[in-house]
N, C-alpha and C. Protein backbone atom coordinates (compact mmCIF):
# COMPACT_ATOMS: atom_id res chain seq x y z
N UNK A 1 -14.40 -4.84 2.86
CA UNK A 1 -13.78 -4.34 1.64
C UNK A 1 -12.28 -4.61 1.73
N UNK A 2 -11.73 -5.18 0.69
CA UNK A 2 -10.30 -5.46 0.62
C UNK A 2 -9.60 -4.34 -0.13
N UNK A 3 -8.55 -3.81 0.49
CA UNK A 3 -7.78 -2.72 -0.11
C UNK A 3 -6.29 -3.03 0.02
N UNK A 4 -5.50 -2.30 -0.72
CA UNK A 4 -4.05 -2.42 -0.58
C UNK A 4 -3.46 -1.01 -0.56
N UNK A 5 -2.54 -0.80 0.37
CA UNK A 5 -1.85 0.48 0.47
C UNK A 5 -0.47 0.33 -0.15
N UNK A 6 -0.12 1.23 -1.03
CA UNK A 6 1.21 1.22 -1.63
C UNK A 6 2.23 1.56 -0.55
N UNK A 7 3.48 1.21 -0.81
CA UNK A 7 4.52 1.47 0.19
C UNK A 7 4.65 2.96 0.51
N UNK A 8 4.40 3.84 -0.46
CA UNK A 8 4.51 5.27 -0.17
C UNK A 8 3.46 5.73 0.84
N UNK A 9 2.31 5.11 0.83
CA UNK A 9 1.28 5.43 1.83
C UNK A 9 1.70 4.88 3.19
N UNK A 10 2.20 3.65 3.21
CA UNK A 10 2.68 3.07 4.47
C UNK A 10 3.81 3.90 5.06
N UNK A 11 4.71 4.38 4.22
CA UNK A 11 5.81 5.21 4.73
C UNK A 11 5.28 6.48 5.39
N UNK A 12 4.25 7.07 4.81
CA UNK A 12 3.64 8.25 5.42
C UNK A 12 2.94 7.89 6.73
N UNK A 13 2.30 6.74 6.77
CA UNK A 13 1.64 6.28 8.00
C UNK A 13 2.67 6.12 9.12
N UNK A 14 3.82 5.54 8.77
CA UNK A 14 4.84 5.20 9.77
C UNK A 14 5.71 6.37 10.20
N UNK A 15 5.86 7.38 9.34
CA UNK A 15 6.85 8.43 9.63
C UNK A 15 6.26 9.80 9.91
N UNK A 16 4.98 10.00 9.65
CA UNK A 16 4.37 11.31 9.90
C UNK A 16 3.03 11.13 10.62
N UNK A 17 2.61 12.15 11.27
CA UNK A 17 1.30 12.13 11.92
C UNK A 17 0.33 12.96 11.08
N UNK A 18 0.22 12.58 9.81
CA UNK A 18 -0.57 13.37 8.88
C UNK A 18 -1.79 12.64 8.35
N UNK A 19 -2.17 13.02 7.14
CA UNK A 19 -3.40 12.53 6.53
C UNK A 19 -3.41 11.02 6.35
N UNK A 20 -2.31 10.44 5.87
CA UNK A 20 -2.29 8.99 5.62
C UNK A 20 -2.47 8.20 6.91
N UNK A 21 -1.87 8.68 7.99
CA UNK A 21 -2.07 7.99 9.27
C UNK A 21 -3.53 8.11 9.71
N UNK A 22 -4.13 9.26 9.50
CA UNK A 22 -5.54 9.44 9.83
C UNK A 22 -6.42 8.49 9.01
N UNK A 23 -6.10 8.36 7.73
CA UNK A 23 -6.84 7.44 6.86
C UNK A 23 -6.69 6.01 7.36
N UNK A 24 -5.46 5.60 7.66
CA UNK A 24 -5.21 4.25 8.15
C UNK A 24 -6.00 3.97 9.43
N UNK A 25 -5.99 4.91 10.36
CA UNK A 25 -6.75 4.73 11.61
C UNK A 25 -8.24 4.58 11.33
N UNK A 26 -8.72 5.27 10.31
CA UNK A 26 -10.14 5.20 9.97
C UNK A 26 -10.53 3.85 9.39
N UNK A 27 -9.67 3.26 8.57
CA UNK A 27 -10.06 2.04 7.83
C UNK A 27 -9.50 0.74 8.41
N UNK A 28 -8.58 0.80 9.34
CA UNK A 28 -7.90 -0.43 9.77
C UNK A 28 -8.83 -1.46 10.39
N UNK A 29 -9.94 -1.04 10.98
CA UNK A 29 -10.87 -1.99 11.57
C UNK A 29 -12.08 -2.27 10.68
N UNK A 30 -12.21 -1.53 9.59
CA UNK A 30 -13.38 -1.67 8.72
C UNK A 30 -13.06 -2.27 7.36
N UNK A 31 -11.79 -2.40 7.05
CA UNK A 31 -11.35 -2.95 5.76
C UNK A 31 -10.31 -4.03 6.01
N UNK A 32 -10.19 -4.94 5.08
CA UNK A 32 -9.07 -5.87 5.09
C UNK A 32 -7.97 -5.22 4.27
N UNK A 33 -6.88 -4.87 4.95
CA UNK A 33 -5.76 -4.22 4.27
C UNK A 33 -4.76 -5.30 3.88
N UNK A 34 -4.52 -5.43 2.60
CA UNK A 34 -3.61 -6.46 2.10
C UNK A 34 -2.21 -5.89 1.89
N UNK A 35 -1.24 -6.77 1.90
CA UNK A 35 0.14 -6.41 1.55
C UNK A 35 0.80 -7.65 0.95
N UNK A 36 2.03 -7.49 0.55
CA UNK A 36 2.80 -8.60 -0.01
C UNK A 36 4.22 -8.53 0.52
N UNK A 37 4.97 -9.58 0.31
CA UNK A 37 6.37 -9.57 0.76
C UNK A 37 7.15 -8.48 0.04
N UNK A 38 6.84 -8.22 -1.23
CA UNK A 38 7.53 -7.15 -1.96
C UNK A 38 7.25 -5.78 -1.35
N UNK A 39 6.01 -5.54 -0.95
CA UNK A 39 5.66 -4.26 -0.31
C UNK A 39 6.40 -4.13 1.01
N UNK A 40 6.40 -5.19 1.81
CA UNK A 40 7.08 -5.16 3.10
C UNK A 40 8.58 -4.91 2.93
N UNK A 41 9.19 -5.57 1.95
CA UNK A 41 10.61 -5.37 1.69
C UNK A 41 10.90 -3.94 1.25
N UNK A 42 10.02 -3.39 0.42
CA UNK A 42 10.19 -2.01 -0.05
C UNK A 42 10.07 -1.02 1.11
N UNK A 43 9.13 -1.26 2.00
CA UNK A 43 8.98 -0.40 3.18
C UNK A 43 10.25 -0.43 4.02
N UNK A 44 10.73 -1.63 4.29
CA UNK A 44 11.93 -1.78 5.11
C UNK A 44 13.14 -1.09 4.47
N UNK A 45 13.30 -1.28 3.17
CA UNK A 45 14.43 -0.68 2.45
C UNK A 45 14.35 0.85 2.46
N UNK A 46 13.18 1.39 2.17
CA UNK A 46 13.05 2.86 2.10
C UNK A 46 13.14 3.52 3.47
N UNK A 47 12.70 2.83 4.51
CA UNK A 47 12.85 3.38 5.85
C UNK A 47 14.33 3.59 6.18
N UNK A 48 15.17 2.69 5.69
CA UNK A 48 16.60 2.81 5.93
C UNK A 48 17.24 3.85 5.01
N UNK A 49 16.98 3.74 3.71
CA UNK A 49 17.66 4.58 2.74
C UNK A 49 17.16 6.03 2.72
N UNK A 50 15.85 6.22 2.79
CA UNK A 50 15.29 7.57 2.67
C UNK A 50 15.08 8.27 4.02
N UNK A 51 14.85 7.47 5.06
CA UNK A 51 14.50 8.06 6.34
C UNK A 51 15.55 7.84 7.42
N UNK A 52 16.60 7.10 7.11
CA UNK A 52 17.72 6.93 8.02
C UNK A 52 17.47 6.02 9.22
N UNK A 53 16.46 5.17 9.14
CA UNK A 53 16.20 4.24 10.23
C UNK A 53 17.28 3.15 10.24
N UNK A 54 17.59 2.65 11.42
CA UNK A 54 18.51 1.52 11.52
C UNK A 54 17.83 0.30 10.91
N UNK A 55 18.62 -0.69 10.51
CA UNK A 55 18.04 -1.89 9.91
C UNK A 55 17.10 -2.59 10.90
N UNK A 56 17.45 -2.58 12.17
CA UNK A 56 16.61 -3.21 13.20
C UNK A 56 15.28 -2.48 13.33
N UNK A 57 15.32 -1.16 13.41
CA UNK A 57 14.09 -0.36 13.55
C UNK A 57 13.22 -0.50 12.30
N UNK A 58 13.84 -0.47 11.13
CA UNK A 58 13.09 -0.62 9.88
C UNK A 58 12.42 -2.00 9.83
N UNK A 59 13.14 -3.02 10.28
CA UNK A 59 12.58 -4.38 10.28
C UNK A 59 11.39 -4.47 11.22
N UNK A 60 11.50 -3.85 12.40
CA UNK A 60 10.40 -3.86 13.36
C UNK A 60 9.16 -3.16 12.79
N UNK A 61 9.36 -2.06 12.09
CA UNK A 61 8.22 -1.36 11.49
C UNK A 61 7.60 -2.18 10.35
N UNK A 62 8.43 -2.86 9.57
CA UNK A 62 7.90 -3.73 8.52
C UNK A 62 7.10 -4.89 9.14
N UNK A 63 7.57 -5.41 10.26
CA UNK A 63 6.83 -6.47 10.96
C UNK A 63 5.50 -5.94 11.50
N UNK A 64 5.51 -4.70 11.96
CA UNK A 64 4.26 -4.06 12.41
C UNK A 64 3.26 -4.01 11.25
N UNK A 65 3.72 -3.57 10.08
CA UNK A 65 2.84 -3.50 8.90
C UNK A 65 2.33 -4.90 8.57
N UNK A 66 3.21 -5.89 8.62
CA UNK A 66 2.79 -7.26 8.33
C UNK A 66 1.68 -7.71 9.29
N UNK A 67 1.81 -7.36 10.56
CA UNK A 67 0.80 -7.74 11.55
C UNK A 67 -0.53 -7.02 11.33
N UNK A 68 -0.49 -5.87 10.71
CA UNK A 68 -1.69 -5.07 10.47
C UNK A 68 -2.40 -5.44 9.17
N UNK A 69 -1.81 -6.35 8.41
CA UNK A 69 -2.32 -6.62 7.06
C UNK A 69 -2.53 -8.11 6.83
N UNK A 70 -3.23 -8.38 5.75
CA UNK A 70 -3.39 -9.75 5.26
C UNK A 70 -2.34 -9.95 4.18
N UNK A 71 -1.40 -10.86 4.42
CA UNK A 71 -0.31 -11.07 3.48
C UNK A 71 -0.79 -11.90 2.30
N UNK A 72 -0.66 -11.34 1.11
CA UNK A 72 -1.11 -11.98 -0.12
C UNK A 72 0.06 -12.72 -0.76
N UNK A 73 -0.19 -13.95 -1.17
CA UNK A 73 0.80 -14.68 -1.96
C UNK A 73 0.59 -14.28 -3.42
N UNK A 74 1.58 -13.63 -3.99
CA UNK A 74 1.45 -13.11 -5.35
C UNK A 74 1.89 -14.17 -6.35
N UNK A 75 0.98 -14.52 -7.25
CA UNK A 75 1.30 -15.47 -8.32
C UNK A 75 1.10 -14.84 -9.69
N UNK A 76 0.28 -13.80 -9.75
CA UNK A 76 -0.02 -13.11 -11.00
C UNK A 76 1.19 -12.29 -11.43
N UNK A 77 1.49 -12.31 -12.69
CA UNK A 77 2.58 -11.50 -13.23
C UNK A 77 1.98 -10.48 -14.20
N UNK A 78 2.42 -9.24 -14.04
CA UNK A 78 1.84 -8.18 -14.85
C UNK A 78 2.95 -7.26 -15.34
N UNK A 79 2.78 -6.70 -16.53
CA UNK A 79 3.73 -5.73 -17.09
C UNK A 79 2.93 -4.63 -17.77
N UNK A 80 2.40 -3.71 -16.96
CA UNK A 80 1.58 -2.64 -17.54
C UNK A 80 2.00 -1.24 -17.12
N UNK A 81 2.76 -1.10 -16.06
CA UNK A 81 3.13 0.24 -15.57
C UNK A 81 4.23 0.87 -16.40
N UNK A 82 4.21 2.19 -16.44
CA UNK A 82 5.32 2.92 -17.06
C UNK A 82 6.61 2.61 -16.31
N UNK A 83 6.50 2.47 -15.00
CA UNK A 83 7.64 2.10 -14.16
C UNK A 83 7.47 0.63 -13.78
N UNK A 84 8.29 -0.25 -14.34
CA UNK A 84 8.13 -1.69 -14.07
C UNK A 84 8.28 -2.05 -12.60
N UNK A 85 8.92 -1.18 -11.81
CA UNK A 85 9.05 -1.44 -10.38
C UNK A 85 7.71 -1.38 -9.66
N UNK A 86 6.69 -0.82 -10.32
CA UNK A 86 5.36 -0.72 -9.71
C UNK A 86 4.45 -1.90 -10.05
N UNK A 87 4.87 -2.74 -10.97
CA UNK A 87 4.01 -3.85 -11.39
C UNK A 87 3.67 -4.80 -10.24
N UNK A 88 4.59 -4.96 -9.29
CA UNK A 88 4.34 -5.90 -8.19
C UNK A 88 3.14 -5.48 -7.34
N UNK A 89 2.90 -4.19 -7.20
CA UNK A 89 1.76 -3.73 -6.39
C UNK A 89 0.45 -4.04 -7.10
N UNK A 90 0.43 -3.94 -8.43
CA UNK A 90 -0.77 -4.30 -9.19
C UNK A 90 -1.05 -5.79 -9.06
N UNK A 91 0.00 -6.59 -9.15
CA UNK A 91 -0.16 -8.04 -9.01
C UNK A 91 -0.69 -8.40 -7.63
N UNK A 92 -0.18 -7.74 -6.59
CA UNK A 92 -0.64 -8.01 -5.23
C UNK A 92 -2.11 -7.59 -5.06
N UNK A 93 -2.47 -6.45 -5.63
CA UNK A 93 -3.86 -5.99 -5.54
C UNK A 93 -4.79 -6.96 -6.26
N UNK A 94 -4.36 -7.47 -7.41
CA UNK A 94 -5.16 -8.43 -8.17
C UNK A 94 -5.29 -9.74 -7.40
N UNK A 95 -4.16 -10.30 -6.97
CA UNK A 95 -4.20 -11.58 -6.26
C UNK A 95 -4.89 -11.47 -4.90
N UNK A 96 -4.85 -10.29 -4.31
CA UNK A 96 -5.54 -10.07 -3.04
C UNK A 96 -7.02 -9.77 -3.20
N UNK A 97 -7.48 -9.74 -4.44
CA UNK A 97 -8.88 -9.44 -4.76
C UNK A 97 -9.32 -8.12 -4.12
N UNK A 98 -8.44 -7.13 -4.23
CA UNK A 98 -8.69 -5.81 -3.65
C UNK A 98 -9.58 -4.97 -4.56
N UNK A 99 -10.43 -4.18 -3.95
CA UNK A 99 -11.26 -3.25 -4.71
C UNK A 99 -10.53 -1.96 -5.02
N UNK A 100 -9.62 -1.58 -4.12
CA UNK A 100 -8.93 -0.30 -4.27
C UNK A 100 -7.44 -0.45 -3.96
N UNK A 101 -6.64 0.23 -4.75
CA UNK A 101 -5.21 0.42 -4.49
C UNK A 101 -5.05 1.89 -4.15
N UNK A 102 -4.54 2.16 -2.94
CA UNK A 102 -4.36 3.54 -2.49
C UNK A 102 -2.89 3.88 -2.61
N UNK A 103 -2.60 4.93 -3.38
CA UNK A 103 -1.21 5.27 -3.69
C UNK A 103 -1.05 6.76 -3.95
N UNK A 104 0.17 7.21 -3.84
CA UNK A 104 0.52 8.56 -4.26
C UNK A 104 1.41 8.54 -5.48
N UNK A 105 1.63 7.37 -6.04
CA UNK A 105 2.53 7.18 -7.18
C UNK A 105 1.84 7.60 -8.48
N UNK A 106 2.43 8.57 -9.17
CA UNK A 106 1.83 9.12 -10.39
C UNK A 106 1.69 8.07 -11.49
N UNK A 107 2.67 7.18 -11.61
CA UNK A 107 2.60 6.15 -12.66
C UNK A 107 1.42 5.21 -12.43
N UNK A 108 1.18 4.83 -11.18
CA UNK A 108 0.04 3.98 -10.88
C UNK A 108 -1.27 4.74 -11.02
N UNK A 109 -1.30 5.96 -10.53
CA UNK A 109 -2.53 6.76 -10.61
C UNK A 109 -2.95 7.03 -12.05
N UNK A 110 -1.97 7.11 -12.96
CA UNK A 110 -2.28 7.34 -14.37
C UNK A 110 -3.12 6.20 -14.96
N UNK A 111 -2.99 5.01 -14.40
CA UNK A 111 -3.77 3.87 -14.89
C UNK A 111 -5.25 3.97 -14.52
N UNK A 112 -5.55 4.59 -13.38
CA UNK A 112 -6.91 4.76 -12.86
C UNK A 112 -7.57 3.45 -12.45
N UNK A 113 -7.39 2.41 -13.24
CA UNK A 113 -8.00 1.12 -12.95
C UNK A 113 -7.13 0.02 -13.54
N UNK A 114 -7.07 -1.10 -12.84
CA UNK A 114 -6.39 -2.28 -13.35
C UNK A 114 -7.26 -3.48 -13.02
N UNK A 115 -7.72 -4.19 -14.06
CA UNK A 115 -8.68 -5.28 -13.87
C UNK A 115 -9.86 -4.72 -13.08
N UNK A 116 -10.14 -5.28 -11.90
CA UNK A 116 -11.26 -4.79 -11.07
C UNK A 116 -10.82 -3.87 -9.94
N UNK A 117 -9.58 -3.43 -9.98
CA UNK A 117 -9.00 -2.62 -8.90
C UNK A 117 -8.99 -1.15 -9.31
N UNK A 118 -9.67 -0.31 -8.54
CA UNK A 118 -9.57 1.13 -8.80
C UNK A 118 -8.32 1.66 -8.10
N UNK A 119 -7.65 2.58 -8.76
CA UNK A 119 -6.38 3.14 -8.25
C UNK A 119 -6.65 4.59 -7.89
N UNK A 120 -6.53 4.89 -6.60
CA UNK A 120 -6.93 6.21 -6.10
C UNK A 120 -5.89 6.76 -5.13
N UNK A 121 -5.95 8.07 -4.94
CA UNK A 121 -5.10 8.73 -3.95
C UNK A 121 -5.68 8.49 -2.56
N UNK A 122 -4.88 8.71 -1.52
CA UNK A 122 -5.42 8.60 -0.17
C UNK A 122 -6.64 9.51 0.05
N UNK A 123 -6.59 10.72 -0.47
CA UNK A 123 -7.71 11.66 -0.29
C UNK A 123 -8.96 11.16 -1.01
N UNK A 124 -8.80 10.65 -2.23
CA UNK A 124 -9.96 10.11 -2.96
C UNK A 124 -10.58 8.93 -2.21
N UNK A 125 -9.72 8.07 -1.66
CA UNK A 125 -10.25 6.93 -0.92
C UNK A 125 -10.94 7.39 0.36
N UNK A 126 -10.38 8.38 1.02
CA UNK A 126 -11.00 8.92 2.23
C UNK A 126 -12.41 9.41 1.94
N UNK A 127 -12.58 10.08 0.81
CA UNK A 127 -13.91 10.56 0.42
C UNK A 127 -14.86 9.39 0.14
N UNK A 128 -14.33 8.31 -0.43
CA UNK A 128 -15.15 7.13 -0.70
C UNK A 128 -15.66 6.48 0.58
N UNK A 129 -14.85 6.51 1.62
CA UNK A 129 -15.20 5.81 2.87
C UNK A 129 -15.57 6.78 3.99
N UNK A 130 -15.89 7.99 3.65
CA UNK A 130 -16.18 9.00 4.69
C UNK A 130 -17.37 8.62 5.56
N UNK A 131 -18.23 7.74 5.07
CA UNK A 131 -19.40 7.31 5.84
C UNK A 131 -19.08 6.25 6.89
N UNK A 132 -17.89 5.65 6.81
CA UNK A 132 -17.52 4.58 7.76
C UNK A 132 -17.26 5.19 9.12
């Protein structure tokens, strides 16, 4: 199963020992987790600005995420989100042929579905894959 984690989920995986990290540990060997250069850049930027990581440490964590994921080349252009800054994640999910986009972003969650991609919270996805 191909999935994509939004940067907010990755930030929780990288900075807390909570539910998102538990979810990631559960699915990392059973799903193909996709990402894009935009997601990696957003992770690196937010680690510095919101969490106070040094640029070197933030870069290393972004490289870790890149190593854990299948990097999607995004060619699809989309303009459907209330927040246009979120459109890139939908494009990556579409081009990555992902079944699920896992996010905590209210603007993305409001869509519920985009093309063939279901948009769910980490908890909703955990319930979907609880049998794994």
